[in-house]
Amino acid sequence: MVLFRAKKFDLGCFTNIGIIRDHSKRKAFAAHEAERQALRYIIRNTTLPARTRAMAQLQLTQMHCYTRSTQINNRCILGGKSRGVFSDFKMTRYNFRLQALEGNLPGVKKASW
């Protein structure tokens, strides 16, 4: 896991261990995405020999878990929480409400009268 830990943090928000881990996962995923796609293409190609496909499957399973897209969570840019995050605004429900009431989100207004 130390191999995938980011050396330099270019985060412009609140930082806790969850954010650091998520940042490392995103960097690892971006670095190995092309390799994973190539291996998945080889595995699904039925015209290739079975041995080649099996070797590609073995390589794919031996890759680090941080290189999977399912490991990435949406996190709040203000508080770092991973639950209740609106993906359009990258904020939790609570922080979204506070920012909307302050008028910091353009185009967002209160729906109730």
PDB file of N, CA and C in Angstrom:
ATOM      1  N   MET A   1       0.817  -1.186   0.000  1.00  0.00           N
ATOM      2  CA  MET A   1       0.000   0.000   0.000  1.00  0.00           C
ATOM      3  C   MET A   1       0.863   1.252   0.000  1.00  0.00           C
ATOM      4  N   VAL A   2       2.038   1.189   0.547  1.00  0.00           N
ATOM      5  CA  VAL A   2       2.919   2.353   0.566  1.00  0.00           C
ATOM      6  C   VAL A   2       3.271   2.761  -0.862  1.00  0.00           C
ATOM      7  N   LEU A   3       3.299   1.798  -1.759  1.00  0.00           N
ATOM      8  CA  LEU A   3       3.592   2.080  -3.155  1.00  0.00           C
ATOM      9  C   LEU A   3       2.569   3.042  -3.757  1.00  0.00           C
ATOM     10  N   PHE A   4       1.313   2.945  -3.331  1.00  0.00           N
ATOM     11  CA  PHE A   4       0.254   3.755  -3.898  1.00  0.00           C
ATOM     12  C   PHE A   4      -0.052   5.007  -3.093  1.00  0.00           C
ATOM     13  N   ARG A   5       0.617   5.235  -1.989  1.00  0.00           N
ATOM     14  CA  ARG A   5       0.375   6.429  -1.183  1.00  0.00           C
ATOM     15  C   ARG A   5       0.946   7.635  -1.902  1.00  0.00           C
ATOM     16  N   ALA A   6       0.172   8.680  -2.012  1.00  0.00           N
ATOM     17  CA  ALA A   6       0.600   9.878  -2.719  1.00  0.00           C
ATOM     18  C   ALA A   6       1.738  10.556  -1.963  1.00  0.00           C
ATOM     19  N   LYS A   7       2.773  10.948  -2.669  1.00  0.00           N
ATOM     20  CA  LYS A   7       3.929  11.590  -2.045  1.00  0.00           C
ATOM     21  C   LYS A   7       3.629  13.049  -1.708  1.00  0.00           C
ATOM     22  N   LYS A   8       2.881  13.704  -2.588  1.00  0.00           N
ATOM     23  CA  LYS A   8       2.567  15.109  -2.402  1.00  0.00           C
ATOM     24  C   LYS A   8       1.059  15.277  -2.463  1.00  0.00           C
ATOM     25  N   PHE A   9       0.512  16.001  -1.513  1.00  0.00           N
ATOM     26  CA  PHE A   9      -0.918  16.201  -1.465  1.00  0.00           C
ATOM     27  C   PHE A   9      -1.254  17.565  -2.044  1.00  0.00           C
ATOM     28  N   ASP A  10      -1.966  17.553  -3.157  1.00  0.00           N
ATOM     29  CA  ASP A  10      -2.400  18.796  -3.774  1.00  0.00           C
ATOM     30  C   ASP A  10      -3.901  18.964  -3.558  1.00  0.00           C
ATOM     31  N   LEU A  11      -4.302  18.775  -2.308  1.00  0.00           N
ATOM     32  CA  LEU A  11      -5.708  18.878  -1.962  1.00  0.00           C
ATOM     33  C   LEU A  11      -6.004  20.281  -1.468  1.00  0.00           C
ATOM     34  N   GLY A  12      -7.107  20.835  -1.929  1.00  0.00           N
ATOM     35  CA  GLY A  12      -7.466  22.181  -1.512  1.00  0.00           C
ATOM     36  C   GLY A  12      -8.640  22.190  -0.561  1.00  0.00           C
ATOM     37  N   CYS A  13      -8.748  21.156   0.277  1.00  0.00           N
ATOM     38  CA  CYS A  13      -9.905  21.067   1.149  1.00  0.00           C
ATOM     39  C   CYS A  13      -9.485  20.489   2.499  1.00  0.00           C
ATOM     40  N   PHE A  14     -10.471  20.312   3.361  1.00  0.00           N
ATOM     41  CA  PHE A  14     -10.275  19.678   4.652  1.00  0.00           C
ATOM     42  C   PHE A  14      -9.640  18.304   4.456  1.00  0.00           C
ATOM     43  N   THR A  15      -8.697  17.920   5.302  1.00  0.00           N
ATOM     44  CA  THR A  15      -7.984  16.668   5.099  1.00  0.00           C
ATOM     45  C   THR A  15      -8.112  15.770   6.320  1.00  0.00           C
ATOM     46  N   ASN A  16      -8.533  14.529   6.083  1.00  0.00           N
ATOM     47  CA  ASN A  16      -8.475  13.481   7.083  1.00  0.00           C
ATOM     48  C   ASN A  16      -7.981  12.210   6.401  1.00  0.00           C
ATOM     49  N   ILE A  17      -7.876  11.120   7.136  1.00  0.00           N
ATOM     50  CA  ILE A  17      -7.278   9.917   6.559  1.00  0.00           C
ATOM     51  C   ILE A  17      -8.131   9.358   5.418  1.00  0.00           C
ATOM     52  N   GLY A  18      -9.455   9.528   5.496  1.00  0.00           N
ATOM     53  CA  GLY A  18     -10.312   9.057   4.413  1.00  0.00           C
ATOM     54  C   GLY A  18     -10.050   9.786   3.111  1.00  0.00           C
ATOM     55  N   ILE A  19      -9.841  11.091   3.201  1.00  0.00           N
ATOM     56  CA  ILE A  19      -9.559  11.891   2.004  1.00  0.00           C
ATOM     57  C   ILE A  19      -8.194  11.523   1.430  1.00  0.00           C
ATOM     58  N   ILE A  20      -7.219  11.327   2.292  1.00  0.00           N
ATOM     59  CA  ILE A  20      -5.878  10.955   1.830  1.00  0.00           C
ATOM     60  C   ILE A  20      -5.920   9.609   1.127  1.00  0.00           C
ATOM     61  N   ARG A  21      -6.642   8.648   1.710  1.00  0.00           N
ATOM     62  CA  ARG A  21      -6.755   7.323   1.115  1.00  0.00           C
ATOM     63  C   ARG A  21      -7.504   7.393  -0.217  1.00  0.00           C
ATOM     64  N   ASP A  22      -8.566   8.164  -0.278  1.00  0.00           N
ATOM     65  CA  ASP A  22      -9.327   8.303  -1.514  1.00  0.00           C
ATOM     66  C   ASP A  22      -8.483   8.975  -2.597  1.00  0.00           C
ATOM     67  N   HIS A  23      -7.696   9.968  -2.212  1.00  0.00           N
ATOM     68  CA  HIS A  23      -6.805  10.639  -3.162  1.00  0.00           C
ATOM     69  C   HIS A  23      -5.790   9.643  -3.727  1.00  0.00           C
ATOM     70  N   SER A  24      -5.238   8.788  -2.861  1.00  0.00           N
ATOM     71  CA  SER A  24      -4.278   7.781  -3.312  1.00  0.00           C
ATOM     72  C   SER A  24      -4.942   6.791  -4.257  1.00  0.00           C
ATOM     73  N   LYS A  25      -6.179   6.408  -3.955  1.00  0.00           N
ATOM     74  CA  LYS A  25      -6.901   5.471  -4.818  1.00  0.00           C
ATOM     75  C   LYS A  25      -7.162   6.080  -6.190  1.00  0.00           C
ATOM     76  N   ARG A  26      -7.532   7.360  -6.206  1.00  0.00           N
ATOM     77  CA  ARG A  26      -7.791   8.015  -7.486  1.00  0.00           C
ATOM     78  C   ARG A  26      -6.528   8.108  -8.342  1.00  0.00           C
ATOM     79  N   LYS A  27      -5.402   8.411  -7.726  1.00  0.00           N
ATOM     80  CA  LYS A  27      -4.146   8.504  -8.483  1.00  0.00           C
ATOM     81  C   LYS A  27      -3.724   7.134  -9.009  1.00  0.00           C
ATOM     82  N   ALA A  28      -3.877   6.094  -8.182  1.00  0.00           N
ATOM     83  CA  ALA A  28      -3.512   4.740  -8.609  1.00  0.00           C
ATOM     84  C   ALA A  28      -4.424   4.271  -9.738  1.00  0.00           C
ATOM     85  N   PHE A  29      -5.710   4.579  -9.632  1.00  0.00           N
ATOM     86  CA  PHE A  29      -6.653   4.188 -10.680  1.00  0.00           C
ATOM     87  C   PHE A  29      -6.307   4.872 -12.001  1.00  0.00           C
ATOM     88  N   ALA A  30      -6.009   6.166 -11.941  1.00  0.00           N
ATOM     89  CA  ALA A  30      -5.684   6.902 -13.162  1.00  0.00           C
ATOM     90  C   ALA A  30      -4.398   6.378 -13.804  1.00  0.00           C
ATOM     91  N   ALA A  31      -3.440   5.975 -12.981  1.00  0.00           N
ATOM     92  CA  ALA A  31      -2.162   5.500 -13.515  1.00  0.00           C
ATOM     93  C   ALA A  31      -2.289   4.126 -14.178  1.00  0.00           C
ATOM     94  N   HIS A  32      -3.196   3.286 -13.710  1.00  0.00           N
ATOM     95  CA  HIS A  32      -3.285   1.907 -14.197  1.00  0.00           C
ATOM     96  C   HIS A  32      -4.548   1.623 -15.003  1.00  0.00           C
ATOM     97  N   GLU A  33      -5.310   2.649 -15.337  1.00  0.00           N
ATOM     98  CA  GLU A  33      -6.580   2.431 -16.028  1.00  0.00           C
ATOM     99  C   GLU A  33      -6.380   1.816 -17.410  1.00  0.00           C
ATOM    100  N   ALA A  34      -5.424   2.301 -18.169  1.00  0.00           N
ATOM    101  CA  ALA A  34      -5.205   1.778 -19.527  1.00  0.00           C
ATOM    102  C   ALA A  34      -4.773   0.312 -19.488  1.00  0.00           C
ATOM    103  N   GLU A  35      -3.928  -0.025 -18.538  1.00  0.00           N
ATOM    104  CA  GLU A  35      -3.470  -1.410 -18.413  1.00  0.00           C
ATOM    105  C   GLU A  35      -4.625  -2.343 -18.057  1.00  0.00           C
ATOM    106  N   ARG A  36      -5.481  -1.900 -17.148  1.00  0.00           N
ATOM    107  CA  ARG A  36      -6.638  -2.712 -16.758  1.00  0.00           C
ATOM    108  C   ARG A  36      -7.593  -2.906 -17.936  1.00  0.00           C
ATOM    109  N   GLN A  37      -7.821  -1.858 -18.714  1.00  0.00           N
ATOM    110  CA  GLN A  37      -8.718  -1.968 -19.862  1.00  0.00           C
ATOM    111  C   GLN A  37      -8.158  -2.920 -20.906  1.00  0.00           C
ATOM    112  N   ALA A  38      -6.842  -2.874 -21.116  1.00  0.00           N
ATOM    113  CA  ALA A  38      -6.217  -3.777 -22.088  1.00  0.00           C
ATOM    114  C   ALA A  38      -6.359  -5.231 -21.635  1.00  0.00           C
ATOM    115  N   LEU A  39      -6.127  -5.489 -20.360  1.00  0.00           N
ATOM    116  CA  LEU A  39      -6.259  -6.855 -19.846  1.00  0.00           C
ATOM    117  C   LEU A  39      -7.703  -7.339 -19.932  1.00  0.00           C
ATOM    118  N   ARG A  40      -8.643  -6.459 -19.633  1.00  0.00           N
ATOM    119  CA  ARG A  40     -10.052  -6.850 -19.715  1.00  0.00           C
ATOM    120  C   ARG A  40     -10.460  -7.129 -21.161  1.00  0.00           C
ATOM    121  N   TYR A  41      -9.897  -6.390 -22.105  1.00  0.00           N
ATOM    122  CA  TYR A  41     -10.181  -6.645 -23.515  1.00  0.00           C
ATOM    123  C   TYR A  41      -9.645  -8.012 -23.924  1.00  0.00           C
ATOM    124  N   ILE A  42      -8.450  -8.343 -23.481  1.00  0.00           N
ATOM    125  CA  ILE A  42      -7.843  -9.638 -23.811  1.00  0.00           C
ATOM    126  C   ILE A  42      -8.677 -10.774 -23.218  1.00  0.00           C
ATOM    127  N   ILE A  43      -9.140 -10.592 -21.996  1.00  0.00           N
ATOM    128  CA  ILE A  43      -9.926 -11.639 -21.324  1.00  0.00           C
ATOM    129  C   ILE A  43     -11.240 -11.884 -22.070  1.00  0.00           C
ATOM    130  N   ARG A  44     -11.869 -10.834 -22.561  1.00  0.00           N
ATOM    131  CA  ARG A  44     -13.170 -10.971 -23.219  1.00  0.00           C
ATOM    132  C   ARG A  44     -13.078 -11.398 -24.686  1.00  0.00           C
ATOM    133  N   ASN A  45     -11.891 -11.315 -25.271  1.00  0.00           N
ATOM    134  CA  ASN A  45     -11.711 -11.663 -26.676  1.00  0.00           C
ATOM    135  C   ASN A  45     -11.670 -13.182 -26.817  1.00  0.00           C
ATOM    136  N   THR A  46     -12.731 -13.767 -27.361  1.00  0.00           N
ATOM    137  CA  THR A  46     -12.821 -15.227 -27.453  1.00  0.00           C
ATOM    138  C   THR A  46     -12.001 -15.806 -28.609  1.00  0.00           C
ATOM    139  N   THR A  47     -11.492 -14.959 -29.501  1.00  0.00           N
ATOM    140  CA  THR A  47     -10.692 -15.476 -30.617  1.00  0.00           C
ATOM    141  C   THR A  47      -9.253 -15.778 -30.193  1.00  0.00           C
ATOM    142  N   LEU A  48      -8.837 -15.247 -29.057  1.00  0.00           N
ATOM    143  CA  LEU A  48      -7.481 -15.518 -28.572  1.00  0.00           C
ATOM    144  C   LEU A  48      -7.414 -16.897 -27.929  1.00  0.00           C
ATOM    145  N   PRO A  49      -6.203 -17.475 -27.854  1.00  0.00           N
ATOM    146  CA  PRO A  49      -6.073 -18.783 -27.206  1.00  0.00           C
ATOM    147  C   PRO A  49      -6.425 -18.697 -25.715  1.00  0.00           C
ATOM    148  N   ALA A  50      -6.894 -19.805 -25.178  1.00  0.00           N
ATOM    149  CA  ALA A  50      -7.325 -19.853 -23.778  1.00  0.00           C
ATOM    150  C   ALA A  50      -6.169 -19.568 -22.826  1.00  0.00           C
ATOM    151  N   ARG A  51      -4.971 -19.986 -23.180  1.00  0.00           N
ATOM    152  CA  ARG A  51      -3.807 -19.756 -22.312  1.00  0.00           C
ATOM    153  C   ARG A  51      -3.513 -18.258 -22.174  1.00  0.00           C
ATOM    154  N   THR A  52      -3.586 -17.543 -23.290  1.00  0.00           N
ATOM    155  CA  THR A  52      -3.341 -16.097 -23.259  1.00  0.00           C
ATOM    156  C   THR A  52      -4.386 -15.396 -22.405  1.00  0.00           C
ATOM    157  N   ARG A  53      -5.627 -15.788 -22.570  1.00  0.00           N
ATOM    158  CA  ARG A  53      -6.698 -15.190 -21.784  1.00  0.00           C
ATOM    159  C   ARG A  53      -6.537 -15.506 -20.297  1.00  0.00           C
ATOM    160  N   ALA A  54      -6.106 -16.710 -19.988  1.00  0.00           N
ATOM    161  CA  ALA A  54      -5.907 -17.092 -18.587  1.00  0.00           C
ATOM    162  C   ALA A  54      -4.759 -16.300 -17.961  1.00  0.00           C
ATOM    163  N   MET A  55      -3.696 -16.083 -18.738  1.00  0.00           N
ATOM    164  CA  MET A  55      -2.569 -15.290 -18.229  1.00  0.00           C
ATOM    165  C   MET A  55      -3.005 -13.842 -17.968  1.00  0.00           C
ATOM    166  N   ALA A  56      -3.827 -13.293 -18.858  1.00  0.00           N
ATOM    167  CA  ALA A  56      -4.329 -11.933 -18.667  1.00  0.00           C
ATOM    168  C   ALA A  56      -5.218 -11.861 -17.428  1.00  0.00           C
ATOM    169  N   GLN A  57      -6.029 -12.897 -17.214  1.00  0.00           N
ATOM    170  CA  GLN A  57      -6.895 -12.924 -16.028  1.00  0.00           C
ATOM    171  C   GLN A  57      -6.057 -12.987 -14.757  1.00  0.00           C
ATOM    172  N   LEU A  58      -4.987 -13.757 -14.789  1.00  0.00           N
ATOM    173  CA  LEU A  58      -4.096 -13.863 -13.631  1.00  0.00           C
ATOM    174  C   LEU A  58      -3.422 -12.528 -13.340  1.00  0.00           C
ATOM    175  N   GLN A  59      -2.975 -11.846 -14.384  1.00  0.00           N
ATOM    176  CA  GLN A  59      -2.365 -10.528 -14.197  1.00  0.00           C
ATOM    177  C   GLN A  59      -3.364  -9.531 -13.624  1.00  0.00           C
ATOM    178  N   LEU A  60      -4.599  -9.588 -14.097  1.00  0.00           N
ATOM    179  CA  LEU A  60      -5.621  -8.662 -13.627  1.00  0.00           C
ATOM    180  C   LEU A  60      -5.950  -8.901 -12.153  1.00  0.00           C
ATOM    181  N   THR A  61      -6.025 -10.144 -11.754  1.00  0.00           N
ATOM    182  CA  THR A  61      -6.343 -10.440 -10.356  1.00  0.00           C
ATOM    183  C   THR A  61      -5.189 -10.110  -9.424  1.00  0.00           C
ATOM    184  N   GLN A  62      -3.966 -10.081  -9.944  1.00  0.00           N
ATOM    185  CA  GLN A  62      -2.813  -9.779  -9.105  1.00  0.00           C
ATOM    186  C   GLN A  62      -2.532  -8.284  -8.986  1.00  0.00           C
ATOM    187  N   MET A  63      -3.284  -7.466  -9.724  1.00  0.00           N
ATOM    188  CA  MET A  63      -3.098  -6.023  -9.599  1.00  0.00           C
ATOM    189  C   MET A  63      -3.633  -5.546  -8.258  1.00  0.00           C
ATOM    190  N   HIS A  64      -3.108  -4.448  -7.786  1.00  0.00           N
ATOM    191  CA  HIS A  64      -3.499  -3.905  -6.478  1.00  0.00           C
ATOM    192  C   HIS A  64      -4.964  -3.492  -6.492  1.00  0.00           C
ATOM    193  N   CYS A  65      -5.622  -3.614  -5.353  1.00  0.00           N
ATOM    194  CA  CYS A  65      -7.054  -3.302  -5.284  1.00  0.00           C
ATOM    195  C   CYS A  65      -7.316  -1.809  -5.498  1.00  0.00           C
ATOM    196  N   TYR A  66      -6.341  -0.953  -5.254  1.00  0.00           N
ATOM    197  CA  TYR A  66      -6.532   0.487  -5.444  1.00  0.00           C
ATOM    198  C   TYR A  66      -6.671   0.861  -6.918  1.00  0.00           C
ATOM    199  N   THR A  67      -6.343  -0.056  -7.820  1.00  0.00           N
ATOM    200  CA  THR A  67      -6.431   0.245  -9.240  1.00  0.00           C
ATOM    201  C   THR A  67      -7.828  -0.027  -9.793  1.00  0.00           C
ATOM    202  N   ARG A  68      -8.756  -0.489  -8.951  1.00  0.00           N
ATOM    203  CA  ARG A  68     -10.129  -0.745  -9.386  1.00  0.00           C
ATOM    204  C   ARG A  68     -10.968   0.521  -9.281  1.00  0.00           C
ATOM    205  N   SER A  69     -11.896   0.671 -10.206  1.00  0.00           N
ATOM    206  CA  SER A  69     -12.753   1.857 -10.187  1.00  0.00           C
ATOM    207  C   SER A  69     -13.763   1.808  -9.047  1.00  0.00           C
ATOM    208  N   THR A  70     -14.081   0.612  -8.561  1.00  0.00           N
ATOM    209  CA  THR A  70     -15.075   0.492  -7.490  1.00  0.00           C
ATOM    210  C   THR A  70     -14.533   0.937  -6.140  1.00  0.00           C
ATOM    211  N   GLN A  71     -13.242   1.152  -6.030  1.00  0.00           N
ATOM    212  CA  GLN A  71     -12.644   1.575  -4.768  1.00  0.00           C
ATOM    213  C   GLN A  71     -12.801   3.069  -4.526  1.00  0.00           C
ATOM    214  N   ILE A  72     -13.167   3.816  -5.551  1.00  0.00           N
ATOM    215  CA  ILE A  72     -13.242   5.271  -5.437  1.00  0.00           C
ATOM    216  C   ILE A  72     -14.603   5.679  -4.887  1.00  0.00           C
ATOM    217  N   ASN A  73     -14.602   6.503  -3.860  1.00  0.00           N
ATOM    218  CA  ASN A  73     -15.830   7.018  -3.256  1.00  0.00           C
ATOM    219  C   ASN A  73     -15.967   8.499  -3.568  1.00  0.00           C
ATOM    220  N   ASN A  74     -17.209   8.960  -3.671  1.00  0.00           N
ATOM    221  CA  ASN A  74     -17.453  10.391  -3.732  1.00  0.00           C
ATOM    222  C   ASN A  74     -17.324  10.934  -2.319  1.00  0.00           C
ATOM    223  N   ARG A  75     -16.581  12.006  -2.146  1.00  0.00           N
ATOM    224  CA  ARG A  75     -16.390  12.606  -0.838  1.00  0.00           C
ATOM    225  C   ARG A  75     -16.710  14.082  -0.895  1.00  0.00           C
ATOM    226  N   CYS A  76     -17.165  14.606   0.238  1.00  0.00           N
ATOM    227  CA  CYS A  76     -17.506  16.019   0.343  1.00  0.00           C
ATOM    228  C   CYS A  76     -16.223  16.849   0.278  1.00  0.00           C
ATOM    229  N   ILE A  77     -16.235  17.910  -0.522  1.00  0.00           N
ATOM    230  CA  ILE A  77     -15.042  18.743  -0.644  1.00  0.00           C
ATOM    231  C   ILE A  77     -14.862  19.658   0.555  1.00  0.00           C
ATOM    232  N   LEU A  78     -15.903  19.829   1.344  1.00  0.00           N
ATOM    233  CA  LEU A  78     -15.799  20.701   2.514  1.00  0.00           C
ATOM    234  C   LEU A  78     -15.508  19.930   3.793  1.00  0.00           C
ATOM    235  N   GLY A  79     -16.179  18.808   4.000  1.00  0.00           N
ATOM    236  CA  GLY A  79     -16.031  18.095   5.260  1.00  0.00           C
ATOM    237  C   GLY A  79     -15.355  16.751   5.148  1.00  0.00           C
ATOM    238  N   GLY A  80     -15.271  16.184   3.956  1.00  0.00           N
ATOM    239  CA  GLY A  80     -14.596  14.910   3.780  1.00  0.00           C
ATOM    240  C   GLY A  80     -15.461  13.691   4.027  1.00  0.00           C
ATOM    241  N   LYS A  81     -16.753  13.867   4.314  1.00  0.00           N
ATOM    242  CA  LYS A  81     -17.626  12.730   4.561  1.00  0.00           C
ATOM    243  C   LYS A  81     -17.919  11.992   3.265  1.00  0.00           C
ATOM    244  N   SER A  82     -18.198  10.686   3.392  1.00  0.00           N
ATOM    245  CA  SER A  82     -18.433   9.885   2.199  1.00  0.00           C
ATOM    246  C   SER A  82     -19.902   9.501   2.035  1.00  0.00           C
ATOM    247  N   ARG A  83     -20.741   9.859   2.979  1.00  0.00           N
ATOM    248  CA  ARG A  83     -22.158   9.495   2.891  1.00  0.00           C
ATOM    249  C   ARG A  83     -23.015  10.729   2.656  1.00  0.00           C
ATOM    250  N   GLY A  84     -24.066  10.549   1.882  1.00  0.00           N
ATOM    251  CA  GLY A  84     -24.983  11.640   1.610  1.00  0.00           C
ATOM    252  C   GLY A  84     -24.387  12.725   0.746  1.00  0.00           C
ATOM    253  N   VAL A  85     -23.562  12.347  -0.219  1.00  0.00           N
ATOM    254  CA  VAL A  85     -22.874  13.321  -1.074  1.00  0.00           C
ATOM    255  C   VAL A  85     -23.657  13.495  -2.372  1.00  0.00           C
ATOM    256  N   PHE A  86     -23.993  14.741  -2.692  1.00  0.00           N
ATOM    257  CA  PHE A  86     -24.587  15.056  -3.982  1.00  0.00           C
ATOM    258  C   PHE A  86     -23.453  15.110  -4.999  1.00  0.00           C
ATOM    259  N   SER A  87     -23.500  14.226  -5.994  1.00  0.00           N
ATOM    260  CA  SER A  87     -22.391  14.140  -6.938  1.00  0.00           C
ATOM    261  C   SER A  87     -22.277  15.387  -7.815  1.00  0.00           C
ATOM    262  N   ASP A  88     -23.391  16.086  -8.068  1.00  0.00           N
ATOM    263  CA  ASP A  88     -23.341  17.290  -8.897  1.00  0.00           C
ATOM    264  C   ASP A  88     -22.565  18.417  -8.220  1.00  0.00           C
ATOM    265  N   PHE A  89     -22.655  18.491  -6.905  1.00  0.00           N
ATOM    266  CA  PHE A  89     -22.025  19.582  -6.168  1.00  0.00           C
ATOM    267  C   PHE A  89     -20.827  19.127  -5.337  1.00  0.00           C
ATOM    268  N   LYS A  90     -20.621  17.817  -5.216  1.00  0.00           N
ATOM    269  CA  LYS A  90     -19.533  17.230  -4.420  1.00  0.00           C
ATOM    270  C   LYS A  90     -19.581  17.710  -2.972  1.00  0.00           C
ATOM    271  N   MET A  91     -20.798  17.780  -2.436  1.00  0.00           N
ATOM    272  CA  MET A  91     -21.006  18.199  -1.053  1.00  0.00           C
ATOM    273  C   MET A  91     -22.030  17.298  -0.395  1.00  0.00           C
ATOM    274  N   THR A  92     -21.915  17.161   0.932  1.00  0.00           N
ATOM    275  CA  THR A  92     -22.927  16.428   1.672  1.00  0.00           C
ATOM    276  C   THR A  92     -24.214  17.238   1.706  1.00  0.00           C
ATOM    277  N   ARG A  93     -25.285  16.576   2.099  1.00  0.00           N
ATOM    278  CA  ARG A  93     -26.585  17.262   2.152  1.00  0.00           C
ATOM    279  C   ARG A  93     -26.532  18.458   3.079  1.00  0.00           C
ATOM    280  N   TYR A  94     -25.895  18.275   4.229  1.00  0.00           N
ATOM    281  CA  TYR A  94     -25.839  19.351   5.223  1.00  0.00           C
ATOM    282  C   TYR A  94     -25.037  20.550   4.702  1.00  0.00           C
ATOM    283  N   ASN A  95     -23.848  20.296   4.181  1.00  0.00           N
ATOM    284  CA  ASN A  95     -23.026  21.389   3.647  1.00  0.00           C
ATOM    285  C   ASN A  95     -23.676  22.045   2.436  1.00  0.00           C
ATOM    286  N   PHE A  96     -24.372  21.252   1.624  1.00  0.00           N
ATOM    287  CA  PHE A  96     -25.103  21.811   0.490  1.00  0.00           C
ATOM    288  C   PHE A  96     -26.167  22.783   0.981  1.00  0.00           C
ATOM    289  N   ARG A  97     -26.897  22.380   2.009  1.00  0.00           N
ATOM    290  CA  ARG A  97     -27.963  23.236   2.543  1.00  0.00           C
ATOM    291  C   ARG A  97     -27.387  24.537   3.094  1.00  0.00           C
ATOM    292  N   LEU A  98     -26.280  24.428   3.854  1.00  0.00           N
ATOM    293  CA  LEU A  98     -25.666  25.630   4.419  1.00  0.00           C
ATOM    294  C   LEU A  98     -25.176  26.577   3.324  1.00  0.00           C
ATOM    295  N   GLN A  99     -24.520  26.037   2.324  1.00  0.00           N
ATOM    296  CA  GLN A  99     -23.993  26.856   1.232  1.00  0.00           C
ATOM    297  C   GLN A  99     -25.126  27.476   0.409  1.00  0.00           C
ATOM    298  N   ALA A 100     -26.206  26.717   0.202  1.00  0.00           N
ATOM    299  CA  ALA A 100     -27.334  27.242  -0.569  1.00  0.00           C
ATOM    300  C   ALA A 100     -28.034  28.370   0.184  1.00  0.00           C
ATOM    301  N   LEU A 101     -28.188  28.221   1.494  1.00  0.00           N
ATOM    302  CA  LEU A 101     -28.838  29.264   2.276  1.00  0.00           C
ATOM    303  C   LEU A 101     -27.994  30.538   2.342  1.00  0.00           C
ATOM    304  N   GLU A 102     -26.675  30.379   2.315  1.00  0.00           N
ATOM    305  CA  GLU A 102     -25.788  31.544   2.302  1.00  0.00           C
ATOM    306  C   GLU A 102     -25.731  32.204   0.927  1.00  0.00           C
ATOM    307  N   GLY A 103     -26.201  31.486  -0.105  1.00  0.00           N
ATOM    308  CA  GLY A 103     -26.194  32.034  -1.456  1.00  0.00           C
ATOM    309  C   GLY A 103     -24.883  31.801  -2.181  1.00  0.00           C
ATOM    310  N   ASN A 104     -24.093  30.823  -1.744  1.00  0.00           N
ATOM    311  CA  ASN A 104     -22.794  30.561  -2.376  1.00  0.00           C
ATOM    312  C   ASN A 104     -22.892  29.663  -3.604  1.00  0.00           C
ATOM    313  N   LEU A 105     -24.059  29.047  -3.831  1.00  0.00           N
ATOM    314  CA  LEU A 105     -24.232  28.157  -4.977  1.00  0.00           C
ATOM    315  C   LEU A 105     -25.102  28.853  -6.021  1.00  0.00           C
ATOM    316  N   PRO A 106     -24.533  29.238  -7.150  1.00  0.00           N
ATOM    317  CA  PRO A 106     -25.326  29.955  -8.154  1.00  0.00           C
ATOM    318  C   PRO A 106     -26.389  29.050  -8.775  1.00  0.00           C
ATOM    319  N   GLY A 107     -27.568  29.596  -8.943  1.00  0.00           N
ATOM    320  CA  GLY A 107     -28.658  28.857  -9.565  1.00  0.00           C
ATOM    321  C   GLY A 107     -29.445  27.983  -8.619  1.00  0.00           C
ATOM    322  N   VAL A 108     -29.117  27.983  -7.340  1.00  0.00           N
ATOM    323  CA  VAL A 108     -29.815  27.151  -6.364  1.00  0.00           C
ATOM    324  C   VAL A 108     -30.611  28.073  -5.464  1.00  0.00           C
ATOM    325  N   LYS A 109     -31.901  27.767  -5.339  1.00  0.00           N
ATOM    326  CA  LYS A 109     -32.733  28.547  -4.425  1.00  0.00           C
ATOM    327  C   LYS A 109     -33.653  27.599  -3.681  1.00  0.00           C
ATOM    328  N   LYS A 110     -34.194  28.066  -2.605  1.00  0.00           N
ATOM    329  CA  LYS A 110     -35.044  27.260  -1.750  1.00  0.00           C
ATOM    330  C   LYS A 110     -36.357  26.939  -2.472  1.00  0.00           C
ATOM    331  N   ALA A 111     -36.777  25.690  -2.406  1.00  0.00           N
ATOM    332  CA  ALA A 111     -37.946  25.259  -3.154  1.00  0.00           C
ATOM    333  C   ALA A 111     -39.238  25.517  -2.398  1.00  0.00           C
ATOM    334  N   SER A 112     -39.218  25.448  -1.066  1.00  0.00           N
ATOM    335  CA  SER A 112     -40.451  25.644  -0.301  1.00  0.00           C
ATOM    336  C   SER A 112     -40.755  27.121  -0.151  1.00  0.00           C
ATOM    337  N   TRP A 113     -42.035  27.442   0.075  1.00  0.00           N
ATOM    338  CA  TRP A 113     -42.450  28.830   0.191  1.00  0.00           C
ATOM    339  C   TRP A 113     -42.296  29.242   1.594  1.00  0.00           C
TER     340      TRP A 113
END
